[in-house]
PDB file of all heavy atoms in Angstrom:
ATOM      1  N   ALA A   1       0.807  -1.215   0.000  1.00  0.00           N
ATOM      2  CA  ALA A   1       0.000   0.000   0.000  1.00  0.00           C
ATOM      3  C   ALA A   1       0.849   1.278   0.000  1.00  0.00           C
ATOM      4  O   ALA A   1       0.296   2.373  -0.023  1.00  0.00           O
ATOM      5  CB  ALA A   1      -0.911   0.002   1.227  1.00  0.00           C
ATOM      6  N   LEU A   2       2.178   1.146   0.016  1.00  0.00           N
ATOM      7  CA  LEU A   2       3.049   2.316   0.134  1.00  0.00           C
ATOM      8  C   LEU A   2       3.935   2.479  -1.098  1.00  0.00           C
ATOM      9  O   LEU A   2       4.407   1.496  -1.656  1.00  0.00           O
ATOM     10  CB  LEU A   2       3.949   2.176   1.367  1.00  0.00           C
ATOM     11  CG  LEU A   2       3.243   2.025   2.712  1.00  0.00           C
ATOM     12  CD1 LEU A   2       4.253   1.715   3.807  1.00  0.00           C
ATOM     13  CD2 LEU A   2       2.455   3.280   3.047  1.00  0.00           C
ATOM     14  N   THR A   3       4.186   3.727  -1.466  1.00  0.00           N
ATOM     15  CA  THR A   3       5.086   3.992  -2.593  1.00  0.00           C
ATOM     16  C   THR A   3       6.303   4.810  -2.182  1.00  0.00           C
ATOM     17  O   THR A   3       7.339   4.721  -2.818  1.00  0.00           O
ATOM     18  CB  THR A   3       4.350   4.735  -3.731  1.00  0.00           C
ATOM     19  OG1 THR A   3       3.795   5.941  -3.214  1.00  0.00           O
ATOM     20  CG2 THR A   3       3.257   3.854  -4.332  1.00  0.00           C
ATOM     21  N   ASP A   4       6.198   5.615  -1.129  1.00  0.00           N
ATOM     22  CA  ASP A   4       7.310   6.455  -0.700  1.00  0.00           C
ATOM     23  C   ASP A   4       8.421   5.590  -0.088  1.00  0.00           C
ATOM     24  O   ASP A   4       8.159   4.838   0.855  1.00  0.00           O
ATOM     25  CB  ASP A   4       6.823   7.478   0.332  1.00  0.00           C
ATOM     26  CG  ASP A   4       7.953   8.346   0.833  1.00  0.00           C
ATOM     27  OD1 ASP A   4       8.393   9.238   0.080  1.00  0.00           O
ATOM     28  OD2 ASP A   4       8.396   8.126   1.980  1.00  0.00           O
ATOM     29  N   PRO A   5       9.658   5.664  -0.621  1.00  0.00           N
ATOM     30  CA  PRO A   5      10.750   4.815  -0.131  1.00  0.00           C
ATOM     31  C   PRO A   5      11.017   4.970   1.364  1.00  0.00           C
ATOM     32  O   PRO A   5      11.261   3.977   2.055  1.00  0.00           O
ATOM     33  CB  PRO A   5      11.960   5.261  -0.953  1.00  0.00           C
ATOM     34  CG  PRO A   5      11.400   5.885  -2.170  1.00  0.00           C
ATOM     35  CD  PRO A   5      10.086   6.485  -1.767  1.00  0.00           C
ATOM     36  N   TRP A   6      10.976   6.187   1.870  1.00  0.00           N
ATOM     37  CA  TRP A   6      11.214   6.410   3.298  1.00  0.00           C
ATOM     38  C   TRP A   6      10.126   5.740   4.136  1.00  0.00           C
ATOM     39  O   TRP A   6      10.415   5.066   5.124  1.00  0.00           O
ATOM     40  CB  TRP A   6      11.289   7.915   3.593  1.00  0.00           C
ATOM     41  CG  TRP A   6      11.317   8.216   5.062  1.00  0.00           C
ATOM     42  CD1 TRP A   6      10.322   8.767   5.790  1.00  0.00           C
ATOM     43  CD2 TRP A   6      12.397   7.970   5.976  1.00  0.00           C
ATOM     44  NE1 TRP A   6      10.699   8.886   7.109  1.00  0.00           N
ATOM     45  CE2 TRP A   6      11.971   8.396   7.243  1.00  0.00           C
ATOM     46  CE3 TRP A   6      13.665   7.418   5.837  1.00  0.00           C
ATOM     47  CZ2 TRP A   6      12.770   8.297   8.380  1.00  0.00           C
ATOM     48  CZ3 TRP A   6      14.466   7.316   6.974  1.00  0.00           C
ATOM     49  CH2 TRP A   6      14.028   7.754   8.216  1.00  0.00           C
ATOM     50  N   GLU A   7       8.876   5.917   3.755  1.00  0.00           N
ATOM     51  CA  GLU A   7       7.772   5.289   4.483  1.00  0.00           C
ATOM     52  C   GLU A   7       7.864   3.760   4.423  1.00  0.00           C
ATOM     53  O   GLU A   7       7.572   3.079   5.392  1.00  0.00           O
ATOM     54  CB  GLU A   7       6.419   5.761   3.936  1.00  0.00           C
ATOM     55  CG  GLU A   7       6.088   7.189   4.307  1.00  0.00           C
ATOM     56  CD  GLU A   7       5.983   7.394   5.811  1.00  0.00           C
ATOM     57  OE1 GLU A   7       5.427   6.532   6.519  1.00  0.00           O
ATOM     58  OE2 GLU A   7       6.487   8.434   6.277  1.00  0.00           O
ATOM     59  N   ARG A   8       8.272   3.247   3.276  1.00  0.00           N
ATOM     60  CA  ARG A   8       8.419   1.796   3.141  1.00  0.00           C
ATOM     61  C   ARG A   8       9.509   1.277   4.077  1.00  0.00           C
ATOM     62  O   ARG A   8       9.322   0.289   4.777  1.00  0.00           O
ATOM     63  CB  ARG A   8       8.724   1.433   1.684  1.00  0.00           C
ATOM     64  CG  ARG A   8       7.540   1.616   0.747  1.00  0.00           C
ATOM     65  CD  ARG A   8       7.919   1.395  -0.706  1.00  0.00           C
ATOM     66  NE  ARG A   8       8.441   0.065  -0.951  1.00  0.00           N
ATOM     67  CZ  ARG A   8       7.708  -1.016  -1.254  1.00  0.00           C
ATOM     68  NH1 ARG A   8       6.401  -0.903  -1.365  1.00  0.00           N
ATOM     69  NH2 ARG A   8       8.274  -2.177  -1.470  1.00  0.00           N
ATOM     70  N   LEU A   9      10.649   1.960   4.098  1.00  0.00           N
ATOM     71  CA  LEU A   9      11.743   1.539   4.974  1.00  0.00           C
ATOM     72  C   LEU A   9      11.338   1.638   6.433  1.00  0.00           C
ATOM     73  O   LEU A   9      11.572   0.710   7.218  1.00  0.00           O
ATOM     74  CB  LEU A   9      12.996   2.383   4.709  1.00  0.00           C
ATOM     75  CG  LEU A   9      14.196   2.077   5.607  1.00  0.00           C
ATOM     76  CD1 LEU A   9      14.659   0.632   5.429  1.00  0.00           C
ATOM     77  CD2 LEU A   9      15.331   3.044   5.311  1.00  0.00           C
ATOM     78  N   LEU A  10      10.724   2.722   6.812  1.00  0.00           N
ATOM     79  CA  LEU A  10      10.285   2.897   8.192  1.00  0.00           C
ATOM     80  C   LEU A  10       9.256   1.839   8.573  1.00  0.00           C
ATOM     81  O   LEU A  10       9.283   1.318   9.693  1.00  0.00           O
ATOM     82  CB  LEU A  10       9.718   4.309   8.381  1.00  0.00           C
ATOM     83  CG  LEU A  10       9.485   4.758   9.814  1.00  0.00           C
ATOM     84  CD1 LEU A  10      10.752   4.673  10.652  1.00  0.00           C
ATOM     85  CD2 LEU A  10       8.937   6.180   9.833  1.00  0.00           C
ATOM     86  N   THR A  11       8.387   1.484   7.668  1.00  0.00           N
ATOM     87  CA  THR A  11       7.384   0.440   7.932  1.00  0.00           C
ATOM     88  C   THR A  11       8.052  -0.896   8.234  1.00  0.00           C
ATOM     89  O   THR A  11       7.681  -1.584   9.190  1.00  0.00           O
ATOM     90  CB  THR A  11       6.427   0.313   6.732  1.00  0.00           C
ATOM     91  OG1 THR A  11       5.695   1.537   6.614  1.00  0.00           O
ATOM     92  CG2 THR A  11       5.465  -0.844   6.895  1.00  0.00           C
ATOM     93  N   VAL A  12       9.034  -1.273   7.428  1.00  0.00           N
ATOM     94  CA  VAL A  12       9.765  -2.526   7.668  1.00  0.00           C
ATOM     95  C   VAL A  12      10.452  -2.467   9.023  1.00  0.00           C
ATOM     96  O   VAL A  12      10.343  -3.395   9.841  1.00  0.00           O
ATOM     97  CB  VAL A  12      10.805  -2.801   6.559  1.00  0.00           C
ATOM     98  CG1 VAL A  12      11.665  -4.004   6.907  1.00  0.00           C
ATOM     99  CG2 VAL A  12      10.127  -3.001   5.215  1.00  0.00           C
ATOM    100  N   ALA A  13      11.155  -1.374   9.280  1.00  0.00           N
ATOM    101  CA  ALA A  13      11.939  -1.265  10.505  1.00  0.00           C
ATOM    102  C   ALA A  13      11.055  -1.248  11.746  1.00  0.00           C
ATOM    103  O   ALA A  13      11.361  -1.917  12.742  1.00  0.00           O
ATOM    104  CB  ALA A  13      12.812  -0.018  10.444  1.00  0.00           C
ATOM    105  N   VAL A  14       9.964  -0.508  11.701  1.00  0.00           N
ATOM    106  CA  VAL A  14       9.059  -0.446  12.855  1.00  0.00           C
ATOM    107  C   VAL A  14       8.450  -1.821  13.114  1.00  0.00           C
ATOM    108  O   VAL A  14       8.352  -2.266  14.256  1.00  0.00           O
ATOM    109  CB  VAL A  14       7.973   0.635  12.649  1.00  0.00           C
ATOM    110  CG1 VAL A  14       6.845   0.487  13.647  1.00  0.00           C
ATOM    111  CG2 VAL A  14       8.598   2.025  12.755  1.00  0.00           C
ATOM    112  N   HIS A  15       8.069  -2.519  12.063  1.00  0.00           N
ATOM    113  CA  HIS A  15       7.532  -3.868  12.235  1.00  0.00           C
ATOM    114  C   HIS A  15       8.562  -4.771  12.917  1.00  0.00           C
ATOM    115  O   HIS A  15       8.247  -5.482  13.861  1.00  0.00           O
ATOM    116  CB  HIS A  15       7.123  -4.467  10.889  1.00  0.00           C
ATOM    117  CG  HIS A  15       6.679  -5.888  11.004  1.00  0.00           C
ATOM    118  ND1 HIS A  15       5.389  -6.221  11.352  1.00  0.00           N
ATOM    119  CD2 HIS A  15       7.352  -7.056  10.870  1.00  0.00           C
ATOM    120  CE1 HIS A  15       5.297  -7.545  11.417  1.00  0.00           C
ATOM    121  NE2 HIS A  15       6.468  -8.067  11.123  1.00  0.00           N
ATOM    122  N   LEU A  16       9.787  -4.719  12.440  1.00  0.00           N
ATOM    123  CA  LEU A  16      10.810  -5.621  12.962  1.00  0.00           C
ATOM    124  C   LEU A  16      11.258  -5.292  14.375  1.00  0.00           C
ATOM    125  O   LEU A  16      11.728  -6.179  15.092  1.00  0.00           O
ATOM    126  CB  LEU A  16      12.022  -5.652  12.025  1.00  0.00           C
ATOM    127  CG  LEU A  16      11.795  -6.365  10.696  1.00  0.00           C
ATOM    128  CD1 LEU A  16      13.032  -6.267   9.816  1.00  0.00           C
ATOM    129  CD2 LEU A  16      11.426  -7.825  10.925  1.00  0.00           C
ATOM    130  N   THR A  17      11.130  -4.058  14.818  1.00  0.00           N
ATOM    131  CA  THR A  17      11.531  -3.739  16.193  1.00  0.00           C
ATOM    132  C   THR A  17      10.489  -4.169  17.202  1.00  0.00           C
ATOM    133  O   THR A  17      10.771  -4.197  18.396  1.00  0.00           O
ATOM    134  CB  THR A  17      11.742  -2.223  16.412  1.00  0.00           C
ATOM    135  OG1 THR A  17      10.554  -1.549  16.115  1.00  0.00           O
ATOM    136  CG2 THR A  17      12.917  -1.707  15.660  1.00  0.00           C
ATOM    137  N   GLY A  18       9.288  -4.492  16.738  1.00  0.00           N
ATOM    138  CA  GLY A  18       8.221  -4.781  17.695  1.00  0.00           C
ATOM    139  C   GLY A  18       7.672  -3.497  18.292  1.00  0.00           C
ATOM    140  O   GLY A  18       7.001  -3.524  19.308  1.00  0.00           O
ATOM    141  N   ALA A  19       8.004  -2.359  17.674  1.00  0.00           N
ATOM    142  CA  ALA A  19       7.537  -1.078  18.191  1.00  0.00           C
ATOM    143  C   ALA A  19       6.032  -0.917  18.008  1.00  0.00           C
ATOM    144  O   ALA A  19       5.441   0.014  18.535  1.00  0.00           O
ATOM    145  CB  ALA A  19       8.273   0.077  17.509  1.00  0.00           C
ATOM    146  N   VAL A  20       5.431  -1.816  17.257  1.00  0.00           N
ATOM    147  CA  VAL A  20       3.975  -1.873  17.133  1.00  0.00           C
ATOM    148  C   VAL A  20       3.568  -3.333  17.313  1.00  0.00           C
ATOM    149  O   VAL A  20       4.362  -4.232  17.119  1.00  0.00           O
ATOM    150  CB  VAL A  20       3.484  -1.376  15.755  1.00  0.00           C
ATOM    151  CG1 VAL A  20       3.782   0.089  15.586  1.00  0.00           C
ATOM    152  CG2 VAL A  20       4.089  -2.168  14.623  1.00  0.00           C
ATOM    153  N   GLY A  21       2.322  -3.543  17.698  1.00  0.00           N
ATOM    154  CA  GLY A  21       1.814  -4.916  17.768  1.00  0.00           C
ATOM    155  C   GLY A  21       2.270  -5.675  19.002  1.00  0.00           C
ATOM    156  O   GLY A  21       2.713  -5.099  19.986  1.00  0.00           O
ATOM    157  N   SER A  22       2.180  -6.985  18.919  1.00  0.00           N
ATOM    158  CA  SER A  22       2.489  -7.838  20.059  1.00  0.00           C
ATOM    159  C   SER A  22       3.955  -8.228  20.066  1.00  0.00           C
ATOM    160  O   SER A  22       4.662  -8.091  19.071  1.00  0.00           O
ATOM    161  CB  SER A  22       1.627  -9.100  20.026  1.00  0.00           C
ATOM    162  OG  SER A  22       2.167 -10.026  19.111  1.00  0.00           O
ATOM    163  N   ASP A  23       4.384  -8.734  21.200  1.00  0.00           N
ATOM    164  CA  ASP A  23       5.764  -9.184  21.350  1.00  0.00           C
ATOM    165  C   ASP A  23       5.957 -10.639  20.938  1.00  0.00           C
ATOM    166  O   ASP A  23       7.089 -11.112  20.916  1.00  0.00           O
ATOM    167  CB  ASP A  23       6.208  -9.040  22.805  1.00  0.00           C
ATOM    168  CG  ASP A  23       6.260  -7.602  23.262  1.00  0.00           C
ATOM    169  OD1 ASP A  23       6.376  -6.712  22.395  1.00  0.00           O
ATOM    170  OD2 ASP A  23       6.192  -7.367  24.473  1.00  0.00           O
ATOM    171  N   ALA A  24       4.881 -11.348  20.642  1.00  0.00           N
ATOM    172  CA  ALA A  24       4.984 -12.782  20.372  1.00  0.00           C
ATOM    173  C   ALA A  24       5.950 -13.085  19.229  1.00  0.00           C
ATOM    174  O   ALA A  24       6.767 -14.005  19.332  1.00  0.00           O
ATOM    175  CB  ALA A  24       3.608 -13.377  20.077  1.00  0.00           C
ATOM    176  N   ALA A  25       5.887 -12.324  18.160  1.00  0.00           N
ATOM    177  CA  ALA A  25       6.779 -12.579  17.023  1.00  0.00           C
ATOM    178  C   ALA A  25       8.236 -12.414  17.430  1.00  0.00           C
ATOM    179  O   ALA A  25       9.086 -13.221  17.049  1.00  0.00           O
ATOM    180  CB  ALA A  25       6.443 -11.654  15.858  1.00  0.00           C
ATOM    181  N   TRP A  26       8.528 -11.377  18.215  1.00  0.00           N
ATOM    182  CA  TRP A  26       9.916 -11.173  18.633  1.00  0.00           C
ATOM    183  C   TRP A  26      10.358 -12.227  19.637  1.00  0.00           C
ATOM    184  O   TRP A  26      11.501 -12.673  19.615  1.00  0.00           O
ATOM    185  CB  TRP A  26      10.128  -9.758  19.181  1.00  0.00           C
ATOM    186  CG  TRP A  26      11.091  -9.052  18.296  1.00  0.00           C
ATOM    187  CD1 TRP A  26      10.791  -8.283  17.213  1.00  0.00           C
ATOM    188  CD2 TRP A  26      12.506  -9.116  18.358  1.00  0.00           C
ATOM    189  NE1 TRP A  26      11.939  -7.856  16.606  1.00  0.00           N
ATOM    190  CE2 TRP A  26      13.017  -8.347  17.298  1.00  0.00           C
ATOM    191  CE3 TRP A  26      13.407  -9.735  19.207  1.00  0.00           C
ATOM    192  CZ2 TRP A  26      14.372  -8.183  17.058  1.00  0.00           C
ATOM    193  CZ3 TRP A  26      14.769  -9.565  18.968  1.00  0.00           C
ATOM    194  CH2 TRP A  26      15.222  -8.805  17.907  1.00  0.00           C
ATOM    195  N   ARG A  27       9.479 -12.648  20.502  1.00  0.00           N
ATOM    196  CA  ARG A  27       9.842 -13.730  21.440  1.00  0.00           C
ATOM    197  C   ARG A  27      10.166 -15.007  20.661  1.00  0.00           C
ATOM    198  O   ARG A  27      11.109 -15.716  21.013  1.00  0.00           O
ATOM    199  CB  ARG A  27       8.718 -13.966  22.426  1.00  0.00           C
ATOM    200  CG  ARG A  27       8.612 -12.887  23.469  1.00  0.00           C
ATOM    201  CD  ARG A  27       7.625 -13.262  24.552  1.00  0.00           C
ATOM    202  NE  ARG A  27       7.436 -12.145  25.444  1.00  0.00           N
ATOM    203  CZ  ARG A  27       6.269 -11.724  25.865  1.00  0.00           C
ATOM    204  NH1 ARG A  27       5.169 -12.341  25.492  1.00  0.00           N
ATOM    205  NH2 ARG A  27       6.182 -10.696  26.678  1.00  0.00           N
ATOM    206  N   LEU A  28       9.398 -15.279  19.625  1.00  0.00           N
ATOM    207  CA  LEU A  28       9.691 -16.446  18.787  1.00  0.00           C
ATOM    208  C   LEU A  28      11.027 -16.286  18.085  1.00  0.00           C
ATOM    209  O   LEU A  28      11.794 -17.242  17.946  1.00  0.00           O
ATOM    210  CB  LEU A  28       8.577 -16.680  17.765  1.00  0.00           C
ATOM    211  CG  LEU A  28       7.309 -17.294  18.315  1.00  0.00           C
ATOM    212  CD1 LEU A  28       6.216 -17.307  17.259  1.00  0.00           C
ATOM    213  CD2 LEU A  28       7.566 -18.701  18.826  1.00  0.00           C
ATOM    214  N   TRP A  29      11.312 -15.078  17.633  1.00  0.00           N
ATOM    215  CA  TRP A  29      12.588 -14.806  16.968  1.00  0.00           C
ATOM    216  C   TRP A  29      13.742 -15.061  17.938  1.00  0.00           C
ATOM    217  O   TRP A  29      14.731 -15.702  17.608  1.00  0.00           O
ATOM    218  CB  TRP A  29      12.567 -13.375  16.461  1.00  0.00           C
ATOM    219  CG  TRP A  29      13.692 -12.948  15.574  1.00  0.00           C
ATOM    220  CD1 TRP A  29      14.449 -11.833  15.729  1.00  0.00           C
ATOM    221  CD2 TRP A  29      14.195 -13.577  14.390  1.00  0.00           C
ATOM    222  NE1 TRP A  29      15.381 -11.743  14.723  1.00  0.00           N
ATOM    223  CE2 TRP A  29      15.242 -12.803  13.891  1.00  0.00           C
ATOM    224  CE3 TRP A  29      13.848 -14.734  13.708  1.00  0.00           C
ATOM    225  CZ2 TRP A  29      15.962 -13.130  12.754  1.00  0.00           C
ATOM    226  CZ3 TRP A  29      14.570 -15.067  12.560  1.00  0.00           C
ATOM    227  CH2 TRP A  29      15.598 -14.273  12.103  1.00  0.00           C
ATOM    228  N   VAL A  30      13.605 -14.585  19.177  1.00  0.00           N
ATOM    229  CA  VAL A  30      14.643 -14.805  20.187  1.00  0.00           C
ATOM    230  C   VAL A  30      14.787 -16.301  20.485  1.00  0.00           C
ATOM    231  O   VAL A  30      15.907 -16.820  20.598  1.00  0.00           O
ATOM    232  CB  VAL A  30      14.348 -13.996  21.465  1.00  0.00           C
ATOM    233  CG1 VAL A  30      15.276 -14.398  22.607  1.00  0.00           C
ATOM    234  CG2 VAL A  30      14.469 -12.495  21.186  1.00  0.00           C
ATOM    235  N   GLU A  31      13.662 -16.988  20.588  1.00  0.00           N
ATOM    236  CA  GLU A  31      13.719 -18.442  20.823  1.00  0.00           C
ATOM    237  C   GLU A  31      14.407 -19.145  19.653  1.00  0.00           C
ATOM    238  O   GLU A  31      15.176 -20.083  19.853  1.00  0.00           O
ATOM    239  CB  GLU A  31      12.314 -19.010  21.031  1.00  0.00           C
ATOM    240  CG  GLU A  31      11.685 -18.631  22.354  1.00  0.00           C
ATOM    241  CD  GLU A  31      12.430 -19.200  23.550  1.00  0.00           C
ATOM    242  OE1 GLU A  31      12.861 -20.372  23.513  1.00  0.00           O
ATOM    243  OE2 GLU A  31      12.576 -18.463  24.539  1.00  0.00           O
ATOM    244  N   SER A  32      14.148 -18.696  18.438  1.00  0.00           N
ATOM    245  CA  SER A  32      14.801 -19.324  17.282  1.00  0.00           C
ATOM    246  C   SER A  32      16.304 -19.056  17.303  1.00  0.00           C
ATOM    247  O   SER A  32      17.094 -19.926  16.936  1.00  0.00           O
ATOM    248  CB  SER A  32      14.178 -18.866  15.959  1.00  0.00           C
ATOM    249  OG  SER A  32      14.485 -17.525  15.661  1.00  0.00           O
ATOM    250  N   TRP A  33      16.721 -17.874  17.762  1.00  0.00           N
ATOM    251  CA  TRP A  33      18.160 -17.587  17.913  1.00  0.00           C
ATOM    252  C   TRP A  33      18.794 -18.567  18.893  1.00  0.00           C
ATOM    253  O   TRP A  33      19.874 -19.087  18.658  1.00  0.00           O
ATOM    254  CB  TRP A  33      18.383 -16.181  18.456  1.00  0.00           C
ATOM    255  CG  TRP A  33      18.214 -15.061  17.502  1.00  0.00           C
ATOM    256  CD1 TRP A  33      18.083 -15.123  16.134  1.00  0.00           C
ATOM    257  CD2 TRP A  33      18.159 -13.684  17.847  1.00  0.00           C
ATOM    258  NE1 TRP A  33      17.947 -13.864  15.624  1.00  0.00           N
ATOM    259  CE2 TRP A  33      17.993 -12.968  16.646  1.00  0.00           C
ATOM    260  CE3 TRP A  33      18.229 -12.989  19.047  1.00  0.00           C
ATOM    261  CZ2 TRP A  33      17.899 -11.585  16.616  1.00  0.00           C
ATOM    262  CZ3 TRP A  33      18.145 -11.612  19.023  1.00  0.00           C
ATOM    263  CH2 TRP A  33      17.975 -10.917  17.819  1.00  0.00           C
ATOM    264  N   ARG A  34      18.099 -18.767  20.016  1.00  0.00           N
ATOM    265  CA  ARG A  34      18.627 -19.685  21.035  1.00  0.00           C
ATOM    266  C   ARG A  34      18.815 -21.084  20.444  1.00  0.00           C
ATOM    267  O   ARG A  34      19.841 -21.712  20.648  1.00  0.00           O
ATOM    268  CB  ARG A  34      17.681 -19.737  22.236  1.00  0.00           C
ATOM    269  CG  ARG A  34      17.704 -18.476  23.077  1.00  0.00           C
ATOM    270  CD  ARG A  34      16.780 -18.552  24.286  1.00  0.00           C
ATOM    271  NE  ARG A  34      17.172 -19.652  25.153  1.00  0.00           N
ATOM    272  CZ  ARG A  34      16.374 -20.694  25.433  1.00  0.00           C
ATOM    273  NH1 ARG A  34      15.171 -20.783  24.949  1.00  0.00           N
ATOM    274  NH2 ARG A  34      16.795 -21.644  26.237  1.00  0.00           N
ATOM    275  N   TRP A  35      17.792 -21.553  19.729  1.00  0.00           N
ATOM    276  CA  TRP A  35      17.894 -22.883  19.126  1.00  0.00           C
ATOM    277  C   TRP A  35      18.953 -22.913  18.035  1.00  0.00           C
ATOM    278  O   TRP A  35      19.652 -23.898  17.870  1.00  0.00           O
ATOM    279  CB  TRP A  35      16.535 -23.322  18.579  1.00  0.00           C
ATOM    280  CG  TRP A  35      15.712 -23.974  19.631  1.00  0.00           C
ATOM    281  CD1 TRP A  35      15.283 -23.410  20.793  1.00  0.00           C
ATOM    282  CD2 TRP A  35      15.265 -25.310  19.658  1.00  0.00           C
ATOM    283  NE1 TRP A  35      14.574 -24.311  21.525  1.00  0.00           N
ATOM    284  CE2 TRP A  35      14.547 -25.490  20.848  1.00  0.00           C
ATOM    285  CE3 TRP A  35      15.382 -26.370  18.770  1.00  0.00           C
ATOM    286  CZ2 TRP A  35      13.961 -26.692  21.184  1.00  0.00           C
ATOM    287  CZ3 TRP A  35      14.783 -27.572  19.106  1.00  0.00           C
ATOM    288  CH2 TRP A  35      14.089 -27.729  20.302  1.00  0.00           C
ATOM    289  N   ALA A  36      19.070 -21.821  17.298  1.00  0.00           N
ATOM    290  CA  ALA A  36      20.051 -21.762  16.211  1.00  0.00           C
ATOM    291  C   ALA A  36      21.471 -21.877  16.738  1.00  0.00           C
ATOM    292  O   ALA A  36      22.359 -22.386  16.039  1.00  0.00           O
ATOM    293  CB  ALA A  36      19.892 -20.465  15.425  1.00  0.00           C
ATOM    294  N   SER A  37      21.694 -21.438  17.964  1.00  0.00           N
ATOM    295  CA  SER A  37      23.044 -21.533  18.523  1.00  0.00           C
ATOM    296  C   SER A  37      23.443 -22.981  18.787  1.00  0.00           C
ATOM    297  O   SER A  37      24.632 -23.269  18.934  1.00  0.00           O
ATOM    298  CB  SER A  37      23.153 -20.700  19.806  1.00  0.00           C
ATOM    299  OG  SER A  37      22.417 -21.297  20.858  1.00  0.00           O
ATOM    300  N   ARG A  38      22.449 -23.883  18.822  1.00  0.00           N
ATOM    301  CA  ARG A  38      22.732 -25.295  19.118  1.00  0.00           C
ATOM    302  C   ARG A  38      22.368 -26.247  17.989  1.00  0.00           C
ATOM    303  O   ARG A  38      22.769 -27.395  18.002  1.00  0.00           O
ATOM    304  CB  ARG A  38      21.953 -25.720  20.368  1.00  0.00           C
ATOM    305  CG  ARG A  38      22.275 -24.954  21.603  1.00  0.00           C
ATOM    306  CD  ARG A  38      21.520 -25.473  22.819  1.00  0.00           C
ATOM    307  NE  ARG A  38      20.085 -25.561  22.663  1.00  0.00           N
ATOM    308  CZ  ARG A  38      19.217 -24.618  23.003  1.00  0.00           C
ATOM    309  NH1 ARG A  38      19.642 -23.475  23.478  1.00  0.00           N
ATOM    310  NH2 ARG A  38      17.937 -24.789  22.864  1.00  0.00           N
ATOM    311  N   ASP A  39      21.574 -25.803  17.033  1.00  0.00           N
ATOM    312  CA  ASP A  39      21.045 -26.689  16.007  1.00  0.00           C
ATOM    313  C   ASP A  39      21.363 -26.124  14.625  1.00  0.00           C
ATOM    314  O   ASP A  39      20.918 -25.034  14.280  1.00  0.00           O
ATOM    315  CB  ASP A  39      19.529 -26.830  16.197  1.00  0.00           C
ATOM    316  CG  ASP A  39      18.882 -27.795  15.239  1.00  0.00           C
ATOM    317  OD1 ASP A  39      18.908 -27.524  14.017  1.00  0.00           O
ATOM    318  OD2 ASP A  39      18.320 -28.798  15.705  1.00  0.00           O
TER     319      ASP A  39
END
C-alpha cells in the first residue's frame, strides 16, 4: 500500500523492532536464535 521509499523503509523497521503490535513474534525470533546456537 506504500510507494514512498522512506515510508516503506520505516514500515519494515518499525515492524521488525516490535515497536507496534504484540511481542509474540519477537519472542519467537529470540527463541529461534537460542535454538540456532545449538542446532
